[in-house]
Amino acid sequence: MSELKVYHLPGAWGLATVSPFCLKLDSFLKMAGIDHQSITASTPFPGPKKKAPWIEYQGRTIGDSTLIIDFLKEEFDADPDAHLTDQQRATAIAIQRLVEENLYWVMVYDRWCRDENWPILKGTVLGSIPAPVRMFIAPVARRSVKKQLAGHGMGLHSAQELNAIAAKDIGALAGLLGDGPWFFGDRISGADATVYSLLANIAFVAFESPMKAMINGHPNLVAWLGRFKDENYPEDN
């Protein structure tokens, strides 16, 4: 049994986890071929940063998906980005920032702030928490997330403004992908895992989101999502 323990939030709707950051790490592990124990955590609070994912390895506990991936690349000498040029690596960082620091927060708004999605979120993302505890935690967590959205600034926008922001981001991703099979040509890389982790958590889940139509409006993104899933998660088809 592998010494590497990877903790992630629960999965649903054919996804290994409904957390984009957890799914990014899971996809990286598949791409890198790193053996590990996958452990589902009902909440992120036991993690060192009170967020998921996190890992335990040889007495160390590490949080944050990007820091974990950087550590694993070095520890296991496994880097799906080894073939990238310096310019491509820089572009990959820009893609990650677009996805994780901007578009991600529109997804958070859709899940936590849209009243039609709130019952779904309570039953899935928070579904593994015992019902009596969930009744107490859920509204507290929702208020906390709304405060985080406001603090970030994304939560201060109207729904119409959020849609415009998302449309630009998704359009930019479609433009960067172009006609290639992957974001940097013929070989898959970490940028593909980063983008997949978020777009799959929009396109494949039961939450209502205007972003679903935006993704479907770009045939290259739709085909790419299917290609990534076939390559890394064929068991879920």
C-alpha atoms as a PDB file:
ATOM      1  CA  MET A   1       0.000   0.000   0.000  1.00  0.00           C
ATOM      2  CA  SER A   2       1.303   3.426  -0.958  1.00  0.00           C
ATOM      3  CA  GLU A   3       2.621   5.761   1.740  1.00  0.00           C
ATOM      4  CA  LEU A   4       1.002   8.701  -0.043  1.00  0.00           C
ATOM      5  CA  LYS A   5      -2.452   9.496   1.333  1.00  0.00           C
ATOM      6  CA  VAL A   6      -4.537  11.994  -0.623  1.00  0.00           C
ATOM      7  CA  TYR A   7      -7.599  13.536   1.017  1.00  0.00           C
ATOM      8  CA  HIS A   8     -10.350  14.988  -1.150  1.00  0.00           C
ATOM      9  CA  LEU A   9     -13.987  16.028  -0.898  1.00  0.00           C
ATOM     10  CA  PRO A  10     -16.769  13.649  -2.044  1.00  0.00           C
ATOM     11  CA  GLY A  11     -17.611  12.968  -5.681  1.00  0.00           C
ATOM     12  CA  ALA A  12     -20.916  12.994  -7.551  1.00  0.00           C
ATOM     13  CA  TRP A  13     -22.340  12.984 -11.101  1.00  0.00           C
ATOM     14  CA  GLY A  14     -19.490  10.923 -12.479  1.00  0.00           C
ATOM     15  CA  LEU A  15     -16.766  13.166 -11.048  1.00  0.00           C
ATOM     16  CA  ALA A  16     -14.185  11.847  -8.606  1.00  0.00           C
ATOM     17  CA  THR A  17     -14.804  14.941  -6.489  1.00  0.00           C
ATOM     18  CA  VAL A  18     -17.007  18.026  -6.752  1.00  0.00           C
ATOM     19  CA  SER A  19     -14.118  20.237  -5.623  1.00  0.00           C
ATOM     20  CA  PRO A  20     -12.166  21.686  -8.576  1.00  0.00           C
ATOM     21  CA  PHE A  21      -8.941  21.837  -6.573  1.00  0.00           C
ATOM     22  CA  CYS A  22      -9.314  18.216  -5.467  1.00  0.00           C
ATOM     23  CA  LEU A  23     -10.112  17.173  -9.040  1.00  0.00           C
ATOM     24  CA  LYS A  24      -7.030  19.023 -10.327  1.00  0.00           C
ATOM     25  CA  LEU A  25      -4.832  17.035  -7.945  1.00  0.00           C
ATOM     26  CA  ASP A  26      -6.590  13.766  -8.770  1.00  0.00           C
ATOM     27  CA  SER A  27      -6.099  14.399 -12.499  1.00  0.00           C
ATOM     28  CA  PHE A  28      -2.427  15.231 -11.972  1.00  0.00           C
ATOM     29  CA  LEU A  29      -1.903  11.980 -10.052  1.00  0.00           C
ATOM     30  CA  LYS A  30      -3.452  10.019 -12.922  1.00  0.00           C
ATOM     31  CA  MET A  31      -1.384  11.838 -15.549  1.00  0.00           C
ATOM     32  CA  ALA A  32       1.822  11.403 -13.535  1.00  0.00           C
ATOM     33  CA  GLY A  33       1.087   7.767 -12.676  1.00  0.00           C
ATOM     34  CA  ILE A  34       1.786   8.252  -8.970  1.00  0.00           C
ATOM     35  CA  ASP A  35       0.469   5.456  -6.752  1.00  0.00           C
ATOM     36  CA  HIS A  36      -1.528   6.724  -3.779  1.00  0.00           C
ATOM     37  CA  GLN A  37      -4.361   6.071  -1.349  1.00  0.00           C
ATOM     38  CA  SER A  38      -7.415   8.193  -2.141  1.00  0.00           C
ATOM     39  CA  ILE A  39      -9.390   9.104   0.969  1.00  0.00           C
ATOM     40  CA  THR A  40     -12.724  10.940   0.963  1.00  0.00           C
ATOM     41  CA  ALA A  41     -13.125  13.582   3.667  1.00  0.00           C
ATOM     42  CA  SER A  42     -16.592  14.864   4.542  1.00  0.00           C
ATOM     43  CA  THR A  43     -15.226  18.335   5.344  1.00  0.00           C
ATOM     44  CA  PRO A  44     -11.984  20.177   4.541  1.00  0.00           C
ATOM     45  CA  PHE A  45     -11.406  21.279   8.133  1.00  0.00           C
ATOM     46  CA  PRO A  46      -8.936  18.520   9.178  1.00  0.00           C
ATOM     47  CA  GLY A  47      -6.542  19.730   6.480  1.00  0.00           C
ATOM     48  CA  PRO A  48      -3.553  21.876   7.481  1.00  0.00           C
ATOM     49  CA  LYS A  49      -5.059  24.929   5.777  1.00  0.00           C
ATOM     50  CA  LYS A  50      -8.670  24.009   6.627  1.00  0.00           C
ATOM     51  CA  LYS A  51      -9.192  23.418   2.917  1.00  0.00           C
ATOM     52  CA  ALA A  52      -9.096  20.421   0.592  1.00  0.00           C
ATOM     53  CA  PRO A  53      -7.175  18.693  -0.832  1.00  0.00           C
ATOM     54  CA  TRP A  54      -4.278  17.757   1.415  1.00  0.00           C
ATOM     55  CA  ILE A  55      -1.809  14.909   1.561  1.00  0.00           C
ATOM     56  CA  GLU A  56       0.087  12.911   4.160  1.00  0.00           C
ATOM     57  CA  TYR A  57       3.441  11.465   3.166  1.00  0.00           C
ATOM     58  CA  GLN A  58       6.346  10.225   5.274  1.00  0.00           C
ATOM     59  CA  GLY A  59       5.250  12.170   8.308  1.00  0.00           C
ATOM     60  CA  ARG A  60       4.523  15.379   6.387  1.00  0.00           C
ATOM     61  CA  THR A  61       1.116  16.972   5.873  1.00  0.00           C
ATOM     62  CA  ILE A  62       0.806  19.383   2.964  1.00  0.00           C
ATOM     63  CA  GLY A  63      -2.173  21.471   1.881  1.00  0.00           C
ATOM     64  CA  ASP A  64      -3.022  23.482  -1.270  1.00  0.00           C
ATOM     65  CA  SER A  65      -3.315  21.687  -4.599  1.00  0.00           C
ATOM     66  CA  THR A  66      -0.577  23.702  -6.317  1.00  0.00           C
ATOM     67  CA  LEU A  67       1.922  23.288  -3.468  1.00  0.00           C
ATOM     68  CA  ILE A  68       1.110  19.581  -3.315  1.00  0.00           C
ATOM     69  CA  ILE A  69       1.657  19.138  -7.050  1.00  0.00           C
ATOM     70  CA  ASP A  70       4.971  21.023  -6.911  1.00  0.00           C
ATOM     71  CA  PHE A  71       6.087  18.758  -4.065  1.00  0.00           C
ATOM     72  CA  LEU A  72       5.012  15.554  -5.820  1.00  0.00           C
ATOM     73  CA  LYS A  73       6.708  16.507  -9.085  1.00  0.00           C
ATOM     74  CA  GLU A  74      10.031  16.765  -7.269  1.00  0.00           C
ATOM     75  CA  GLU A  75       9.542  13.879  -4.843  1.00  0.00           C
ATOM     76  CA  PHE A  76       8.466  11.361  -7.498  1.00  0.00           C
ATOM     77  CA  ASP A  77      10.364  12.880 -10.439  1.00  0.00           C
ATOM     78  CA  ALA A  78       7.105  12.935 -12.410  1.00  0.00           C
ATOM     79  CA  ASP A  79       6.246  16.070 -14.352  1.00  0.00           C
ATOM     80  CA  PRO A  80       3.539  16.124 -17.050  1.00  0.00           C
ATOM     81  CA  ASP A  81       4.876  19.594 -17.957  1.00  0.00           C
ATOM     82  CA  ALA A  82       8.448  18.482 -18.664  1.00  0.00           C
ATOM     83  CA  HIS A  83       7.963  18.950 -22.416  1.00  0.00           C
ATOM     84  CA  LEU A  84       6.778  22.574 -22.164  1.00  0.00           C
ATOM     85  CA  THR A  85       8.897  25.545 -23.194  1.00  0.00           C
ATOM     86  CA  ASP A  86       9.542  28.415 -20.781  1.00  0.00           C
ATOM     87  CA  GLN A  87       6.936  30.491 -22.615  1.00  0.00           C
ATOM     88  CA  GLN A  88       4.373  27.703 -22.384  1.00  0.00           C
ATOM     89  CA  ARG A  89       5.046  27.314 -18.661  1.00  0.00           C
ATOM     90  CA  ALA A  90       4.436  31.033 -18.218  1.00  0.00           C
ATOM     91  CA  THR A  91       1.194  30.778 -20.194  1.00  0.00           C
ATOM     92  CA  ALA A  92       0.158  27.824 -18.020  1.00  0.00           C
ATOM     93  CA  ILE A  93       0.512  30.009 -14.927  1.00  0.00           C
ATOM     94  CA  ALA A  94      -1.658  32.681 -16.562  1.00  0.00           C
ATOM     95  CA  ILE A  95      -4.287  30.047 -17.386  1.00  0.00           C
ATOM     96  CA  GLN A  96      -4.214  28.808 -13.799  1.00  0.00           C
ATOM     97  CA  ARG A  97      -4.746  32.322 -12.448  1.00  0.00           C
ATOM     98  CA  LEU A  98      -7.672  32.914 -14.810  1.00  0.00           C
ATOM     99  CA  VAL A  99      -9.302  29.645 -13.783  1.00  0.00           C
ATOM    100  CA  GLU A 100      -8.587  29.560 -10.051  1.00  0.00           C
ATOM    101  CA  GLU A 101      -8.569  33.236  -9.093  1.00  0.00           C
ATOM    102  CA  ASN A 102     -11.412  34.510 -11.273  1.00  0.00           C
ATOM    103  CA  LEU A 103     -13.675  32.004 -13.017  1.00  0.00           C
ATOM    104  CA  TYR A 104     -13.701  29.740  -9.963  1.00  0.00           C
ATOM    105  CA  TRP A 105     -15.484  32.442  -7.949  1.00  0.00           C
ATOM    106  CA  VAL A 106     -18.310  32.664 -10.484  1.00  0.00           C
ATOM    107  CA  MET A 107     -18.787  28.927 -10.001  1.00  0.00           C
ATOM    108  CA  VAL A 108     -18.822  29.462  -6.227  1.00  0.00           C
ATOM    109  CA  TYR A 109     -21.517  32.108  -6.663  1.00  0.00           C
ATOM    110  CA  ASP A 110     -23.646  29.728  -8.735  1.00  0.00           C
ATOM    111  CA  ARG A 111     -23.376  26.956  -6.160  1.00  0.00           C
ATOM    112  CA  TRP A 112     -23.734  28.877  -2.920  1.00  0.00           C
ATOM    113  CA  CYS A 113     -25.756  31.986  -3.777  1.00  0.00           C
ATOM    114  CA  ARG A 114     -28.364  30.806  -6.275  1.00  0.00           C
ATOM    115  CA  ASP A 115     -31.380  29.695  -4.259  1.00  0.00           C
ATOM    116  CA  GLU A 116     -32.280  26.990  -6.793  1.00  0.00           C
ATOM    117  CA  ASN A 117     -28.872  25.352  -6.255  1.00  0.00           C
ATOM    118  CA  TRP A 118     -28.757  25.547  -2.473  1.00  0.00           C
ATOM    119  CA  PRO A 119     -30.753  22.327  -1.815  1.00  0.00           C
ATOM    120  CA  ILE A 120     -28.519  20.475  -4.285  1.00  0.00           C
ATOM    121  CA  LEU A 121     -25.365  21.730  -2.613  1.00  0.00           C
ATOM    122  CA  LYS A 122     -26.593  20.737   0.841  1.00  0.00           C
ATOM    123  CA  GLY A 123     -27.394  17.251  -0.385  1.00  0.00           C
ATOM    124  CA  THR A 124     -24.136  16.627  -2.272  1.00  0.00           C
ATOM    125  CA  VAL A 125     -21.181  18.824  -1.347  1.00  0.00           C
ATOM    126  CA  LEU A 126     -22.308  18.740   2.294  1.00  0.00           C
ATOM    127  CA  GLY A 127     -24.170  15.447   1.988  1.00  0.00           C
ATOM    128  CA  SER A 128     -21.645  13.263   3.796  1.00  0.00           C
ATOM    129  CA  ILE A 129     -21.956  15.350   6.963  1.00  0.00           C
ATOM    130  CA  PRO A 130     -24.486  13.752   9.381  1.00  0.00           C
ATOM    131  CA  ALA A 131     -27.908  15.379   8.960  1.00  0.00           C
ATOM    132  CA  PRO A 132     -28.211  16.889  12.463  1.00  0.00           C
ATOM    133  CA  VAL A 133     -24.776  18.485  12.141  1.00  0.00           C
ATOM    134  CA  ARG A 134     -25.459  19.552   8.550  1.00  0.00           C
ATOM    135  CA  MET A 135     -28.578  21.447   9.609  1.00  0.00           C
ATOM    136  CA  PHE A 136     -26.385  23.611  11.835  1.00  0.00           C
ATOM    137  CA  ILE A 137     -23.299  23.862   9.639  1.00  0.00           C
ATOM    138  CA  ALA A 138     -24.961  24.507   6.267  1.00  0.00           C
ATOM    139  CA  PRO A 139     -26.375  28.015   6.868  1.00  0.00           C
ATOM    140  CA  VAL A 140     -23.234  29.059   8.736  1.00  0.00           C
ATOM    141  CA  ALA A 141     -21.076  27.845   5.855  1.00  0.00           C
ATOM    142  CA  ARG A 142     -23.286  29.630   3.320  1.00  0.00           C
ATOM    143  CA  ARG A 143     -22.958  32.946   5.139  1.00  0.00           C
ATOM    144  CA  SER A 144     -19.198  32.452   5.365  1.00  0.00           C
ATOM    145  CA  VAL A 145     -18.881  31.764   1.628  1.00  0.00           C
ATOM    146  CA  LYS A 146     -20.953  34.832   0.789  1.00  0.00           C
ATOM    147  CA  LYS A 147     -18.594  36.924   2.929  1.00  0.00           C
ATOM    148  CA  GLN A 148     -15.625  35.413   1.107  1.00  0.00           C
ATOM    149  CA  LEU A 149     -17.215  36.301  -2.233  1.00  0.00           C
ATOM    150  CA  ALA A 150     -17.787  39.868  -1.125  1.00  0.00           C
ATOM    151  CA  GLY A 151     -14.243  40.134   0.234  1.00  0.00           C
ATOM    152  CA  HIS A 152     -12.852  38.864  -3.063  1.00  0.00           C
ATOM    153  CA  GLY A 153     -14.987  41.375  -4.934  1.00  0.00           C
ATOM    154  CA  MET A 154     -16.803  38.875  -7.141  1.00  0.00           C
ATOM    155  CA  GLY A 155     -19.725  38.803  -4.745  1.00  0.00           C
ATOM    156  CA  LEU A 156     -20.287  42.538  -5.233  1.00  0.00           C
ATOM    157  CA  HIS A 157     -21.268  42.114  -8.879  1.00  0.00           C
ATOM    158  CA  SER A 158     -24.769  41.643 -10.248  1.00  0.00           C
ATOM    159  CA  ALA A 159     -25.736  38.332 -11.869  1.00  0.00           C
ATOM    160  CA  GLN A 160     -25.554  40.033 -15.262  1.00  0.00           C
ATOM    161  CA  GLU A 161     -22.046  41.312 -14.563  1.00  0.00           C
ATOM    162  CA  LEU A 162     -20.950  37.880 -13.382  1.00  0.00           C
ATOM    163  CA  ASN A 163     -22.232  36.335 -16.602  1.00  0.00           C
ATOM    164  CA  ALA A 164     -20.215  38.833 -18.637  1.00  0.00           C
ATOM    165  CA  ILE A 165     -17.058  38.028 -16.649  1.00  0.00           C
ATOM    166  CA  ALA A 166     -17.568  34.297 -17.101  1.00  0.00           C
ATOM    167  CA  ALA A 167     -18.256  34.644 -20.824  1.00  0.00           C
ATOM    168  CA  LYS A 168     -14.949  36.470 -21.317  1.00  0.00           C
ATOM    169  CA  ASP A 169     -13.002  33.891 -19.316  1.00  0.00           C
ATOM    170  CA  ILE A 170     -14.569  30.900 -21.056  1.00  0.00           C
ATOM    171  CA  GLY A 171     -14.105  32.568 -24.431  1.00  0.00           C
ATOM    172  CA  ALA A 172     -10.446  33.166 -23.594  1.00  0.00           C
ATOM    173  CA  LEU A 173      -9.976  29.488 -22.723  1.00  0.00           C
ATOM    174  CA  ALA A 174     -11.601  28.465 -25.991  1.00  0.00           C
ATOM    175  CA  GLY A 175      -9.294  30.838 -27.853  1.00  0.00           C
ATOM    176  CA  LEU A 176      -6.198  29.509 -26.107  1.00  0.00           C
ATOM    177  CA  LEU A 177      -7.174  25.915 -26.860  1.00  0.00           C
ATOM    178  CA  GLY A 178      -7.869  26.669 -30.507  1.00  0.00           C
ATOM    179  CA  ASP A 179      -7.932  23.634 -32.776  1.00  0.00           C
ATOM    180  CA  GLY A 180      -5.376  21.631 -30.815  1.00  0.00           C
ATOM    181  CA  PRO A 181      -6.208  18.464 -28.938  1.00  0.00           C
ATOM    182  CA  TRP A 182      -4.656  19.933 -25.772  1.00  0.00           C
ATOM    183  CA  PHE A 183      -3.797  23.404 -24.534  1.00  0.00           C
ATOM    184  CA  PHE A 184      -0.167  23.079 -25.606  1.00  0.00           C
ATOM    185  CA  GLY A 185      -0.417  20.998 -28.733  1.00  0.00           C
ATOM    186  CA  ASP A 186      -0.330  17.243 -29.077  1.00  0.00           C
ATOM    187  CA  ARG A 187       0.670  16.364 -25.503  1.00  0.00           C
ATOM    188  CA  ILE A 188      -1.468  16.754 -22.407  1.00  0.00           C
ATOM    189  CA  SER A 189      -0.136  18.912 -19.572  1.00  0.00           C
ATOM    190  CA  GLY A 190      -0.995  20.289 -16.162  1.00  0.00           C
ATOM    191  CA  ALA A 191      -2.862  23.200 -17.735  1.00  0.00           C
ATOM    192  CA  ASP A 192      -5.374  20.711 -19.131  1.00  0.00           C
ATOM    193  CA  ALA A 193      -5.924  19.282 -15.649  1.00  0.00           C
ATOM    194  CA  THR A 194      -6.392  22.770 -14.201  1.00  0.00           C
ATOM    195  CA  VAL A 195      -8.983  23.805 -16.768  1.00  0.00           C
ATOM    196  CA  TYR A 196     -10.752  20.433 -16.705  1.00  0.00           C
ATOM    197  CA  SER A 197     -11.085  20.531 -12.928  1.00  0.00           C
ATOM    198  CA  LEU A 198     -13.240  23.660 -13.127  1.00  0.00           C
ATOM    199  CA  LEU A 199     -15.103  23.255 -16.426  1.00  0.00           C
ATOM    200  CA  ALA A 200     -16.090  19.672 -15.569  1.00  0.00           C
ATOM    201  CA  ASN A 201     -17.446  20.952 -12.259  1.00  0.00           C
ATOM    202  CA  ILE A 202     -19.677  23.285 -14.254  1.00  0.00           C
ATOM    203  CA  ALA A 203     -20.606  21.213 -17.291  1.00  0.00           C
ATOM    204  CA  PHE A 204     -21.151  17.794 -15.685  1.00  0.00           C
ATOM    205  CA  VAL A 205     -22.909  18.621 -12.422  1.00  0.00           C
ATOM    206  CA  ALA A 206     -26.541  19.214 -11.486  1.00  0.00           C
ATOM    207  CA  PHE A 207     -26.075  22.837 -10.418  1.00  0.00           C
ATOM    208  CA  GLU A 208     -27.793  25.424 -12.590  1.00  0.00           C
ATOM    209  CA  SER A 209     -25.346  27.834 -14.195  1.00  0.00           C
ATOM    210  CA  PRO A 210     -25.419  30.126 -17.234  1.00  0.00           C
ATOM    211  CA  MET A 211     -21.844  28.983 -17.772  1.00  0.00           C
ATOM    212  CA  LYS A 212     -23.064  25.616 -19.056  1.00  0.00           C
ATOM    213  CA  ALA A 213     -24.502  27.286 -22.141  1.00  0.00           C
ATOM    214  CA  MET A 214     -21.309  29.338 -22.510  1.00  0.00           C
ATOM    215  CA  ILE A 215     -19.180  26.181 -22.541  1.00  0.00           C
ATOM    216  CA  ASN A 216     -21.542  24.463 -24.981  1.00  0.00           C
ATOM    217  CA  GLY A 217     -21.221  27.507 -27.224  1.00  0.00           C
ATOM    218  CA  HIS A 218     -17.584  26.551 -27.883  1.00  0.00           C
ATOM    219  CA  PRO A 219     -17.470  23.188 -29.692  1.00  0.00           C
ATOM    220  CA  ASN A 220     -13.718  22.899 -29.159  1.00  0.00           C
ATOM    221  CA  LEU A 221     -14.163  23.067 -25.370  1.00  0.00           C
ATOM    222  CA  VAL A 222     -16.956  20.487 -25.477  1.00  0.00           C
ATOM    223  CA  ALA A 223     -14.806  18.101 -27.537  1.00  0.00           C
ATOM    224  CA  TRP A 224     -11.792  18.747 -25.285  1.00  0.00           C
ATOM    225  CA  LEU A 225     -13.811  17.973 -22.125  1.00  0.00           C
ATOM    226  CA  GLY A 226     -14.831  14.638 -23.621  1.00  0.00           C
ATOM    227  CA  ARG A 227     -11.273  13.933 -24.713  1.00  0.00           C
ATOM    228  CA  PHE A 228      -9.836  14.637 -21.267  1.00  0.00           C
ATOM    229  CA  LYS A 229     -12.465  12.465 -19.618  1.00  0.00           C
ATOM    230  CA  ASP A 230     -11.825   9.599 -22.050  1.00  0.00           C
ATOM    231  CA  GLU A 231      -8.070   9.883 -21.482  1.00  0.00           C
ATOM    232  CA  ASN A 232      -8.105  10.062 -17.687  1.00  0.00           C
ATOM    233  CA  TYR A 233     -11.503   8.854 -16.466  1.00  0.00           C
ATOM    234  CA  PRO A 234     -12.701   6.214 -18.954  1.00  0.00           C
ATOM    235  CA  GLU A 235     -14.339   4.311 -16.099  1.00  0.00           C
ATOM    236  CA  ASP A 236     -16.809   7.188 -15.655  1.00  0.00           C
ATOM    237  CA  ASN A 237     -18.142   7.085 -19.237  1.00  0.00           C
END
